[in-house]
Amino acid sequence: MASSPTRSSNSPLKEFSDSPIPDVIYFDTSFIVPTLIKGVKYHQPCNAFINRLTKSQPIIVMSQLVRSELWNAVLTIKMRDKFGKRRVDIDDELKKDPSLIDQVYPDIARIDQDFFDLMQRFVYWSMEDVTDLINKNAISLIKKYRLKSYDAIHIATMNALEVKDIAVFDWAIEDIQDLNIWTTGGATRYKKRQIVRNKVAKRTVV
């Protein structure tokens, strides 16, 4: 297990379109979702990046969490579409009408197949099990960086594999040093706007 990374102001950002491709890259679920689901923000730049990767053929690594998180993302998107609102209590809706799962299941099965079809474009790829060692490291990461459990497991998996490059749209990990965060310029500009808005909000409160 590699040592846990230390806190920094920001991890280096790598641009999908032109940064040199690394030998090994980790796919976070937040990258897989817009890659596979049309209509999700950054779908096009994600697929353009996939095309770059398939030409260079780096080693692709992920956690086994990716599949279940992908299924849940499909369920969430379909429930939002069905009820026409951004926030939906999925557990509550399924209790009211369990048949909702039947309606969404074909989409979940299809996205799962799409995921494996995507991975077949790469010569070397793997999904790593969540081991006890990874869980122990994840617990320390939760405390140190205030990460959500699944985010911590993804980073702990990277630590175990000694991988530094990650394709991701989850800014919760941006303060972890020694990670190379692969993203698109649009997402970077969006993040900068968020930072400005947060600073303005804090000044307003003061």
C-alpha atoms as a PDB file:
ATOM      1  CA  MET A   1       0.000   0.000   0.000  1.00  0.00           C
ATOM      2  CA  ALA A   2       1.396   3.375  -0.950  1.00  0.00           C
ATOM      3  CA  SER A   3       1.415   6.004   1.764  1.00  0.00           C
ATOM      4  CA  SER A   4      -1.590   8.288   1.930  1.00  0.00           C
ATOM      5  CA  PRO A   5      -1.100  11.526  -0.006  1.00  0.00           C
ATOM      6  CA  THR A   6      -0.763  14.772   1.954  1.00  0.00           C
ATOM      7  CA  ARG A   7      -2.951  17.836   1.699  1.00  0.00           C
ATOM      8  CA  SER A   8      -2.148  20.540  -0.797  1.00  0.00           C
ATOM      9  CA  SER A   9      -3.978  23.552  -2.191  1.00  0.00           C
ATOM     10  CA  ASN A  10      -4.861  21.732  -5.396  1.00  0.00           C
ATOM     11  CA  SER A  11      -3.901  18.637  -7.361  1.00  0.00           C
ATOM     12  CA  PRO A  12      -2.540  19.284 -10.869  1.00  0.00           C
ATOM     13  CA  LEU A  13      -5.249  19.424 -13.532  1.00  0.00           C
ATOM     14  CA  LYS A  14      -4.692  17.611 -16.821  1.00  0.00           C
ATOM     15  CA  GLU A  15      -6.728  18.542 -19.878  1.00  0.00           C
ATOM     16  CA  PHE A  16      -8.545  15.754 -21.733  1.00  0.00           C
ATOM     17  CA  SER A  17      -7.791  17.232 -25.107  1.00  0.00           C
ATOM     18  CA  ASP A  18      -4.028  17.802 -25.148  1.00  0.00           C
ATOM     19  CA  SER A  19      -2.125  16.698 -22.021  1.00  0.00           C
ATOM     20  CA  PRO A  20       0.302  13.796 -22.597  1.00  0.00           C
ATOM     21  CA  ILE A  21      -1.375  10.449 -21.906  1.00  0.00           C
ATOM     22  CA  PRO A  22       0.014   8.586 -18.853  1.00  0.00           C
ATOM     23  CA  ASP A  23       0.990   4.919 -18.827  1.00  0.00           C
ATOM     24  CA  VAL A  24      -1.734   4.091 -16.299  1.00  0.00           C
ATOM     25  CA  ILE A  25      -4.966   5.950 -15.530  1.00  0.00           C
ATOM     26  CA  TYR A  26      -7.737   5.367 -13.029  1.00  0.00           C
ATOM     27  CA  PHE A  27     -11.374   5.767 -14.098  1.00  0.00           C
ATOM     28  CA  ASP A  28     -13.637   7.225 -11.426  1.00  0.00           C
ATOM     29  CA  THR A  29     -17.377   6.586 -11.690  1.00  0.00           C
ATOM     30  CA  SER A  30     -17.945  10.312 -12.172  1.00  0.00           C
ATOM     31  CA  PHE A  31     -16.038   9.958 -15.457  1.00  0.00           C
ATOM     32  CA  ILE A  32     -17.714   6.715 -16.561  1.00  0.00           C
ATOM     33  CA  VAL A  33     -21.254   8.087 -16.109  1.00  0.00           C
ATOM     34  CA  PRO A  34     -21.005  11.008 -18.584  1.00  0.00           C
ATOM     35  CA  THR A  35     -18.973   8.832 -20.941  1.00  0.00           C
ATOM     36  CA  LEU A  36     -21.758   6.255 -21.267  1.00  0.00           C
ATOM     37  CA  ILE A  37     -24.954   8.249 -20.752  1.00  0.00           C
ATOM     38  CA  LYS A  38     -25.989  10.662 -23.491  1.00  0.00           C
ATOM     39  CA  GLY A  39     -27.400  13.941 -22.260  1.00  0.00           C
ATOM     40  CA  VAL A  40     -25.214  14.006 -19.166  1.00  0.00           C
ATOM     41  CA  LYS A  41     -22.914  17.025 -18.963  1.00  0.00           C
ATOM     42  CA  TYR A  42     -19.473  16.530 -20.565  1.00  0.00           C
ATOM     43  CA  HIS A  43     -20.599  13.492 -22.568  1.00  0.00           C
ATOM     44  CA  GLN A  44     -18.817  14.681 -25.727  1.00  0.00           C
ATOM     45  CA  PRO A  45     -15.443  15.647 -24.201  1.00  0.00           C
ATOM     46  CA  CYS A  46     -15.403  12.384 -22.227  1.00  0.00           C
ATOM     47  CA  ASN A  47     -15.854  10.351 -25.385  1.00  0.00           C
ATOM     48  CA  ALA A  48     -13.262  12.425 -27.221  1.00  0.00           C
ATOM     49  CA  PHE A  49     -10.860  11.593 -24.388  1.00  0.00           C
ATOM     50  CA  ILE A  50     -11.748   7.902 -24.664  1.00  0.00           C
ATOM     51  CA  ASN A  51     -10.824   8.090 -28.347  1.00  0.00           C
ATOM     52  CA  ARG A  52      -7.437   9.568 -27.401  1.00  0.00           C
ATOM     53  CA  LEU A  53      -6.910   6.826 -24.832  1.00  0.00           C
ATOM     54  CA  THR A  54      -7.774   4.009 -27.227  1.00  0.00           C
ATOM     55  CA  LYS A  55      -5.057   5.253 -29.581  1.00  0.00           C
ATOM     56  CA  SER A  56      -2.423   5.388 -26.812  1.00  0.00           C
ATOM     57  CA  GLN A  57      -3.663   2.279 -24.964  1.00  0.00           C
ATOM     58  CA  PRO A  58      -2.651   3.070 -21.379  1.00  0.00           C
ATOM     59  CA  ILE A  59      -3.499   0.586 -18.648  1.00  0.00           C
ATOM     60  CA  ILE A  60      -6.995   1.333 -17.300  1.00  0.00           C
ATOM     61  CA  VAL A  61      -7.740   0.573 -13.649  1.00  0.00           C
ATOM     62  CA  MET A  62     -10.889   0.980 -11.569  1.00  0.00           C
ATOM     63  CA  SER A  63     -12.573  -0.211  -8.408  1.00  0.00           C
ATOM     64  CA  GLN A  64     -15.295  -2.852  -8.442  1.00  0.00           C
ATOM     65  CA  LEU A  65     -17.474  -0.046  -7.054  1.00  0.00           C
ATOM     66  CA  VAL A  66     -17.779   1.426 -10.538  1.00  0.00           C
ATOM     67  CA  ARG A  67     -20.481  -0.972 -11.724  1.00  0.00           C
ATOM     68  CA  SER A  68     -22.815  -0.565  -8.741  1.00  0.00           C
ATOM     69  CA  GLU A  69     -22.313   3.216  -8.740  1.00  0.00           C
ATOM     70  CA  LEU A  70     -23.074   3.264 -12.466  1.00  0.00           C
ATOM     71  CA  TRP A  71     -26.288   1.283 -11.931  1.00  0.00           C
ATOM     72  CA  ASN A  72     -27.308   3.702  -9.180  1.00  0.00           C
ATOM     73  CA  ALA A  73     -26.587   6.684 -11.430  1.00  0.00           C
ATOM     74  CA  VAL A  74     -28.915   5.270 -14.089  1.00  0.00           C
ATOM     75  CA  LEU A  75     -31.624   4.690 -11.486  1.00  0.00           C
ATOM     76  CA  THR A  76     -31.249   8.249 -10.183  1.00  0.00           C
ATOM     77  CA  ILE A  77     -31.355   9.826 -13.657  1.00  0.00           C
ATOM     78  CA  LYS A  78     -34.424   7.794 -14.672  1.00  0.00           C
ATOM     79  CA  MET A  79     -36.255   8.674 -11.459  1.00  0.00           C
ATOM     80  CA  ARG A  80     -35.501  12.361 -11.934  1.00  0.00           C
ATOM     81  CA  ASP A  81     -36.799  12.186 -15.496  1.00  0.00           C
ATOM     82  CA  LYS A  82     -39.933  10.327 -14.450  1.00  0.00           C
ATOM     83  CA  PHE A  83     -40.893  12.705 -11.660  1.00  0.00           C
ATOM     84  CA  GLY A  84     -39.604  15.838 -13.369  1.00  0.00           C
ATOM     85  CA  LYS A  85     -37.517  17.094 -10.485  1.00  0.00           C
ATOM     86  CA  ARG A  86     -33.856  17.112  -9.530  1.00  0.00           C
ATOM     87  CA  ARG A  87     -34.271  15.772  -6.002  1.00  0.00           C
ATOM     88  CA  VAL A  88     -36.130  12.490  -5.662  1.00  0.00           C
ATOM     89  CA  ASP A  89     -36.302  10.281  -2.584  1.00  0.00           C
ATOM     90  CA  ILE A  90     -35.685   7.062  -4.490  1.00  0.00           C
ATOM     91  CA  ASP A  91     -36.118   4.776  -1.480  1.00  0.00           C
ATOM     92  CA  ASP A  92     -39.462   6.378  -0.690  1.00  0.00           C
ATOM     93  CA  GLU A  93     -40.679   6.135  -4.297  1.00  0.00           C
ATOM     94  CA  LEU A  94     -39.661   2.461  -4.521  1.00  0.00           C
ATOM     95  CA  LYS A  95     -41.553   1.694  -1.328  1.00  0.00           C
ATOM     96  CA  LYS A  96     -44.645   3.267  -2.851  1.00  0.00           C
ATOM     97  CA  ASP A  97     -44.216   1.494  -6.175  1.00  0.00           C
ATOM     98  CA  PRO A  98     -41.662  -1.374  -6.339  1.00  0.00           C
ATOM     99  CA  SER A  99     -42.507  -1.869 -10.026  1.00  0.00           C
ATOM    100  CA  LEU A 100     -40.408   1.223 -10.764  1.00  0.00           C
ATOM    101  CA  ILE A 101     -37.386  -1.079 -10.675  1.00  0.00           C
ATOM    102  CA  ASP A 102     -38.947  -3.169 -13.446  1.00  0.00           C
ATOM    103  CA  GLN A 103     -39.224  -0.025 -15.570  1.00  0.00           C
ATOM    104  CA  VAL A 104     -35.602   0.957 -15.025  1.00  0.00           C
ATOM    105  CA  TYR A 105     -34.019  -2.503 -15.118  1.00  0.00           C
ATOM    106  CA  PRO A 106     -33.621  -2.631 -18.945  1.00  0.00           C
ATOM    107  CA  ASP A 107     -31.656   0.622 -18.784  1.00  0.00           C
ATOM    108  CA  ILE A 108     -29.450  -0.718 -15.980  1.00  0.00           C
ATOM    109  CA  ALA A 109     -28.773  -3.946 -17.894  1.00  0.00           C
ATOM    110  CA  ARG A 110     -28.011  -1.987 -21.069  1.00  0.00           C
ATOM    111  CA  ILE A 111     -25.591   0.410 -19.362  1.00  0.00           C
ATOM    112  CA  ASP A 112     -23.803  -2.524 -17.753  1.00  0.00           C
ATOM    113  CA  GLN A 113     -23.257  -4.051 -21.191  1.00  0.00           C
ATOM    114  CA  ASP A 114     -22.204  -0.665 -22.564  1.00  0.00           C
ATOM    115  CA  PHE A 115     -19.616  -0.481 -19.809  1.00  0.00           C
ATOM    116  CA  PHE A 116     -18.046  -3.791 -20.797  1.00  0.00           C
ATOM    117  CA  ASP A 117     -18.201  -2.854 -24.476  1.00  0.00           C
ATOM    118  CA  LEU A 118     -16.288   0.321 -23.614  1.00  0.00           C
ATOM    119  CA  MET A 119     -13.646  -1.600 -21.702  1.00  0.00           C
ATOM    120  CA  GLN A 120     -13.135  -3.979 -24.620  1.00  0.00           C
ATOM    121  CA  ARG A 121     -11.629  -1.054 -26.503  1.00  0.00           C
ATOM    122  CA  PHE A 122      -8.591  -1.322 -24.222  1.00  0.00           C
ATOM    123  CA  VAL A 123      -5.976  -4.052 -24.267  1.00  0.00           C
ATOM    124  CA  TYR A 124      -5.205  -3.860 -20.554  1.00  0.00           C
ATOM    125  CA  TRP A 125      -7.825  -2.974 -17.972  1.00  0.00           C
ATOM    126  CA  SER A 126      -8.879  -4.244 -14.573  1.00  0.00           C
ATOM    127  CA  MET A 127     -11.378  -3.723 -11.774  1.00  0.00           C
ATOM    128  CA  GLU A 128      -9.864  -4.096  -8.327  1.00  0.00           C
ATOM    129  CA  ASP A 129     -11.604  -5.747  -5.381  1.00  0.00           C
ATOM    130  CA  VAL A 130     -12.282  -3.718  -2.249  1.00  0.00           C
ATOM    131  CA  THR A 131      -9.947  -5.472   0.183  1.00  0.00           C
ATOM    132  CA  ASP A 132      -9.603  -5.058   3.936  1.00  0.00           C
ATOM    133  CA  LEU A 133      -6.395  -3.124   3.353  1.00  0.00           C
ATOM    134  CA  ILE A 134      -8.160  -0.713   0.994  1.00  0.00           C
ATOM    135  CA  ASN A 135     -10.995  -0.251   3.498  1.00  0.00           C
ATOM    136  CA  LYS A 136      -8.522   0.560   6.277  1.00  0.00           C
ATOM    137  CA  ASN A 137      -6.801   3.159   4.124  1.00  0.00           C
ATOM    138  CA  ALA A 138     -10.185   4.550   3.060  1.00  0.00           C
ATOM    139  CA  ILE A 139     -11.189   5.106   6.689  1.00  0.00           C
ATOM    140  CA  SER A 140      -8.080   7.223   7.275  1.00  0.00           C
ATOM    141  CA  LEU A 141      -8.793   9.190   4.089  1.00  0.00           C
ATOM    142  CA  ILE A 142     -12.358   9.919   5.227  1.00  0.00           C
ATOM    143  CA  LYS A 143     -11.008  11.518   8.388  1.00  0.00           C
ATOM    144  CA  LYS A 144      -8.097  13.321   6.761  1.00  0.00           C
ATOM    145  CA  TYR A 145      -9.900  14.796   3.762  1.00  0.00           C
ATOM    146  CA  ARG A 146     -13.568  14.618   4.840  1.00  0.00           C
ATOM    147  CA  LEU A 147     -14.365  12.374   1.898  1.00  0.00           C
ATOM    148  CA  LYS A 148     -17.517  10.370   1.350  1.00  0.00           C
ATOM    149  CA  SER A 149     -17.046   6.648   1.761  1.00  0.00           C
ATOM    150  CA  TYR A 150     -17.032   5.706  -1.929  1.00  0.00           C
ATOM    151  CA  ASP A 151     -14.682   8.580  -2.822  1.00  0.00           C
ATOM    152  CA  ALA A 152     -12.295   7.385  -0.122  1.00  0.00           C
ATOM    153  CA  ILE A 153     -12.386   3.815  -1.459  1.00  0.00           C
ATOM    154  CA  HIS A 154     -11.538   5.022  -4.961  1.00  0.00           C
ATOM    155  CA  ILE A 155      -8.532   6.981  -3.685  1.00  0.00           C
ATOM    156  CA  ALA A 156      -7.467   4.113  -1.430  1.00  0.00           C
ATOM    157  CA  THR A 157      -7.579   1.815  -4.461  1.00  0.00           C
ATOM    158  CA  MET A 158      -5.349   4.220  -6.363  1.00  0.00           C
ATOM    159  CA  ASN A 159      -2.953   4.258  -3.403  1.00  0.00           C
ATOM    160  CA  ALA A 160      -2.834   0.465  -3.335  1.00  0.00           C
ATOM    161  CA  LEU A 161      -1.984   0.399  -7.046  1.00  0.00           C
ATOM    162  CA  GLU A 162       0.363   3.393  -6.785  1.00  0.00           C
ATOM    163  CA  VAL A 163      -1.549   5.162  -9.557  1.00  0.00           C
ATOM    164  CA  LYS A 164      -1.439   8.971  -9.688  1.00  0.00           C
ATOM    165  CA  ASP A 165      -3.638   9.827 -12.695  1.00  0.00           C
ATOM    166  CA  ILE A 166      -7.429   9.839 -12.403  1.00  0.00           C
ATOM    167  CA  ALA A 167     -10.206  10.800 -14.834  1.00  0.00           C
ATOM    168  CA  VAL A 168     -12.831  12.349 -12.588  1.00  0.00           C
ATOM    169  CA  PHE A 169     -15.455  15.066 -12.175  1.00  0.00           C
ATOM    170  CA  ASP A 170     -15.609  14.899  -8.383  1.00  0.00           C
ATOM    171  CA  TRP A 171     -13.963  17.962  -6.878  1.00  0.00           C
ATOM    172  CA  ALA A 172     -13.992  16.462  -3.378  1.00  0.00           C
ATOM    173  CA  ILE A 173     -10.553  15.011  -4.123  1.00  0.00           C
ATOM    174  CA  GLU A 174      -8.920  18.185  -5.421  1.00  0.00           C
ATOM    175  CA  ASP A 175      -6.962  18.877  -2.216  1.00  0.00           C
ATOM    176  CA  ILE A 176      -5.180  15.517  -2.241  1.00  0.00           C
ATOM    177  CA  GLN A 177      -1.578  16.085  -3.228  1.00  0.00           C
ATOM    178  CA  ASP A 178       0.254  14.052  -5.856  1.00  0.00           C
ATOM    179  CA  LEU A 179      -2.865  13.208  -7.868  1.00  0.00           C
ATOM    180  CA  ASN A 180      -3.089  14.219 -11.512  1.00  0.00           C
ATOM    181  CA  ILE A 181      -6.743  15.081 -12.070  1.00  0.00           C
ATOM    182  CA  TRP A 182      -7.838  14.565 -15.676  1.00  0.00           C
ATOM    183  CA  THR A 183     -10.800  16.692 -16.679  1.00  0.00           C
ATOM    184  CA  THR A 184     -12.033  19.056 -19.362  1.00  0.00           C
ATOM    185  CA  GLY A 185     -11.631  22.816 -19.636  1.00  0.00           C
ATOM    186  CA  GLY A 186     -15.355  23.347 -19.275  1.00  0.00           C
ATOM    187  CA  ALA A 187     -15.363  21.573 -15.921  1.00  0.00           C
ATOM    188  CA  THR A 188     -12.330  23.556 -14.781  1.00  0.00           C
ATOM    189  CA  ARG A 189     -14.016  26.855 -15.662  1.00  0.00           C
ATOM    190  CA  TYR A 190     -17.149  25.695 -13.850  1.00  0.00           C
ATOM    191  CA  LYS A 191     -15.102  24.932 -10.745  1.00  0.00           C
ATOM    192  CA  LYS A 192     -13.437  28.355 -10.844  1.00  0.00           C
ATOM    193  CA  ARG A 193     -16.859  30.003 -10.996  1.00  0.00           C
ATOM    194  CA  GLN A 194     -17.903  27.941  -7.973  1.00  0.00           C
ATOM    195  CA  ILE A 195     -14.854  29.127  -6.040  1.00  0.00           C
ATOM    196  CA  VAL A 196     -15.643  32.765  -6.865  1.00  0.00           C
ATOM    197  CA  ARG A 197     -19.310  32.347  -5.839  1.00  0.00           C
ATOM    198  CA  ASN A 198     -18.266  30.713  -2.558  1.00  0.00           C
ATOM    199  CA  LYS A 199     -15.880  33.567  -1.777  1.00  0.00           C
ATOM    200  CA  VAL A 200     -18.586  36.134  -2.510  1.00  0.00           C
ATOM    201  CA  ALA A 201     -21.058  34.220  -0.331  1.00  0.00           C
ATOM    202  CA  LYS A 202     -18.604  34.146   2.574  1.00  0.00           C
ATOM    203  CA  ARG A 203     -17.991  37.892   2.309  1.00  0.00           C
ATOM    204  CA  THR A 204     -21.740  38.490   2.262  1.00  0.00           C
ATOM    205  CA  VAL A 205     -22.199  36.423   5.431  1.00  0.00           C
ATOM    206  CA  VAL A 206     -19.394  38.295   7.180  1.00  0.00           C
END
